[in-house]
Amino acid sequence: MELFQDNEAIAALENTLPLQQGDAWLESAVAVAWHLRQRDCGRALTLADEAEKALFQHQDLAKLRHLQARLGLLRAEIALLFGNVARAHELTQGAAGLFGELADAQGIGDAHWLQASIWVDRGESAQVA
């Protein structure tokens, strides 16, 4: 999943949500929530909550764990935006662990990127390097 999308792409994806069901809706909802994480934290968290309720209907365990990790990273970034650095760190570590188990290099990279932001907020510039 890309770190960022432009507003038009997000709006187009969000407009398809009411037309989707099952796994397609779940994956799109997670994608929309991910891309709204810095733009509209409230909407992102609402979608994340809805997606988490639907997660356990997903049959593909690896995909379920990937979506869980992505939602954890989303929640971590929002926690960081609101100054809850300890919670952001905890959620980032959990997501990184799931991404690692799945050998998801992009997810691991996203977790490292967020962890670097957490270290910056903590004043731990040596860790960032």
Protein backbone atom coordinates (compact mmCIF):
# COMPACT_ATOMS: atom_id res chain seq x y z
CA MET A 1 0.00 0.00 0.00
CA GLU A 2 1.37 3.40 -0.93
CA LEU A 3 2.13 5.85 1.85
CA PHE A 4 0.07 8.61 0.28
CA GLN A 5 -2.52 9.15 -2.46
CA ASP A 6 -3.88 12.38 -3.88
CA ASN A 7 -7.32 13.61 -2.85
CA GLU A 8 -8.98 12.56 -6.11
CA ALA A 9 -7.77 8.97 -5.85
CA ILE A 10 -8.95 8.71 -2.25
CA ALA A 11 -12.36 10.20 -3.09
CA ALA A 12 -12.78 7.78 -5.99
CA LEU A 13 -11.92 4.81 -3.77
CA GLU A 14 -14.18 6.03 -0.98
CA ASN A 15 -17.07 6.47 -3.42
CA THR A 16 -16.86 2.77 -4.32
CA LEU A 17 -17.27 1.59 -0.70
CA PRO A 18 -21.10 1.52 -0.70
CA LEU A 19 -21.02 -0.62 -3.85
CA GLN A 20 -18.70 -3.26 -2.39
CA GLN A 21 -19.20 -6.20 -0.08
CA GLY A 22 -17.12 -8.79 1.71
CA ASP A 23 -13.38 -8.91 1.10
CA ALA A 24 -13.49 -6.20 -1.57
CA TRP A 25 -15.15 -3.78 0.85
CA LEU A 26 -12.76 -4.71 3.65
CA GLU A 27 -9.65 -4.13 1.58
CA SER A 28 -10.98 -0.86 0.17
CA ALA A 29 -12.09 0.36 3.60
CA VAL A 30 -8.61 -0.30 5.02
CA ALA A 31 -7.04 1.50 2.05
CA VAL A 32 -9.31 4.53 2.45
CA ALA A 33 -8.72 4.63 6.20
CA TRP A 34 -4.96 4.39 5.64
CA HIS A 35 -4.96 7.29 3.21
CA LEU A 36 -7.16 9.43 5.47
CA ARG A 37 -4.97 8.88 8.55
CA GLN A 38 -3.36 12.33 8.36
CA ARG A 39 -6.20 14.16 6.60
CA ASP A 40 -9.24 13.12 8.60
CA CYS A 41 -8.25 11.13 11.68
CA GLY A 42 -11.85 10.75 12.86
CA ARG A 43 -13.06 9.27 9.58
CA ALA A 44 -9.97 7.08 9.38
CA LEU A 45 -10.60 5.67 12.86
CA THR A 46 -14.30 5.11 12.12
CA LEU A 47 -13.43 3.14 8.99
CA ALA A 48 -10.73 1.26 10.90
CA ASP A 49 -13.27 0.27 13.56
CA GLU A 50 -15.72 -0.92 10.90
CA ALA A 51 -12.99 -2.86 9.12
CA GLU A 52 -11.82 -4.52 12.34
CA LYS A 53 -15.36 -5.79 12.94
CA ALA A 54 -15.34 -7.34 9.46
CA LEU A 55 -11.80 -8.76 9.69
CA PHE A 56 -12.73 -11.99 11.34
CA GLN A 57 -15.05 -12.93 8.48
CA HIS A 58 -11.99 -12.94 6.21
CA GLN A 59 -10.97 -16.47 5.26
CA ASP A 60 -7.37 -15.80 4.21
CA LEU A 61 -5.32 -15.74 7.44
CA ALA A 62 -2.28 -14.06 5.86
CA LYS A 63 -4.47 -11.31 4.36
CA LEU A 64 -6.27 -10.89 7.69
CA ARG A 65 -2.95 -10.44 9.52
CA HIS A 66 -1.74 -7.99 6.87
CA LEU A 67 -4.87 -5.88 7.27
CA GLN A 68 -4.53 -6.05 11.06
CA ALA A 69 -0.95 -4.81 10.78
CA ARG A 70 -1.94 -1.98 8.44
CA LEU A 71 -4.73 -0.90 10.81
CA GLY A 72 -2.31 -1.04 13.73
CA LEU A 73 0.12 1.19 11.88
CA LEU A 74 -2.72 3.59 11.02
CA ARG A 75 -3.70 3.79 14.69
CA ALA A 76 -0.04 4.28 15.65
CA GLU A 77 0.37 7.21 13.30
CA ILE A 78 -2.80 8.86 14.58
CA ALA A 79 -1.63 8.32 18.17
CA LEU A 80 1.64 10.04 17.28
CA LEU A 81 -0.21 12.94 15.64
CA PHE A 82 -2.09 13.45 18.90
CA GLY A 83 1.07 13.28 20.99
CA ASN A 84 0.60 9.81 22.46
CA VAL A 85 4.14 8.74 21.68
CA ALA A 86 4.15 5.70 23.99
CA ARG A 87 0.99 4.29 22.38
CA ALA A 88 2.33 5.06 18.91
CA HIS A 89 5.52 3.14 19.72
CA GLU A 90 3.60 0.16 21.10
CA LEU A 91 1.30 -0.04 18.08
CA THR A 92 4.18 0.41 15.64
CA GLN A 93 6.11 -2.44 17.23
CA GLY A 94 3.06 -4.71 17.00
CA ALA A 95 2.50 -3.85 13.34
CA ALA A 96 6.19 -4.29 12.54
CA GLY A 97 6.12 -7.72 14.13
CA LEU A 98 3.13 -8.79 12.03
CA PHE A 99 4.67 -7.39 8.85
CA GLY A 100 7.89 -9.23 9.70
CA GLU A 101 6.08 -12.53 10.18
CA LEU A 102 4.46 -12.01 6.78
CA ALA A 103 7.76 -11.01 5.13
CA ASP A 104 6.00 -7.85 3.93
CA ALA A 105 8.93 -5.59 3.06
CA GLN A 106 6.74 -2.60 2.26
CA GLY A 107 4.89 -2.91 5.58
CA ILE A 108 8.17 -3.27 7.46
CA GLY A 109 9.47 -0.18 5.68
CA ASP A 110 6.35 1.78 6.61
CA ALA A 111 6.75 0.70 10.23
CA HIS A 112 10.41 1.78 10.22
CA TRP A 113 9.43 5.13 8.72
CA LEU A 114 6.91 5.70 11.50
CA GLN A 115 9.36 4.47 14.14
CA ALA A 116 11.85 7.07 12.91
CA SER A 117 9.18 9.76 13.40
CA ILE A 118 8.60 8.47 16.92
CA TRP A 119 12.32 8.65 17.68
CA VAL A 120 12.41 12.21 16.35
CA ASP A 121 9.56 13.15 18.68
CA ARG A 122 11.44 11.55 21.57
CA GLY A 123 14.61 13.44 20.68
CA GLU A 124 16.46 10.19 19.91
CA SER A 125 18.19 11.32 16.73
CA ALA A 126 20.91 8.66 17.06
CA GLN A 127 18.21 5.98 16.72
CA VAL A 128 16.94 7.59 13.51
CA ALA A 129 20.38 7.30 11.94
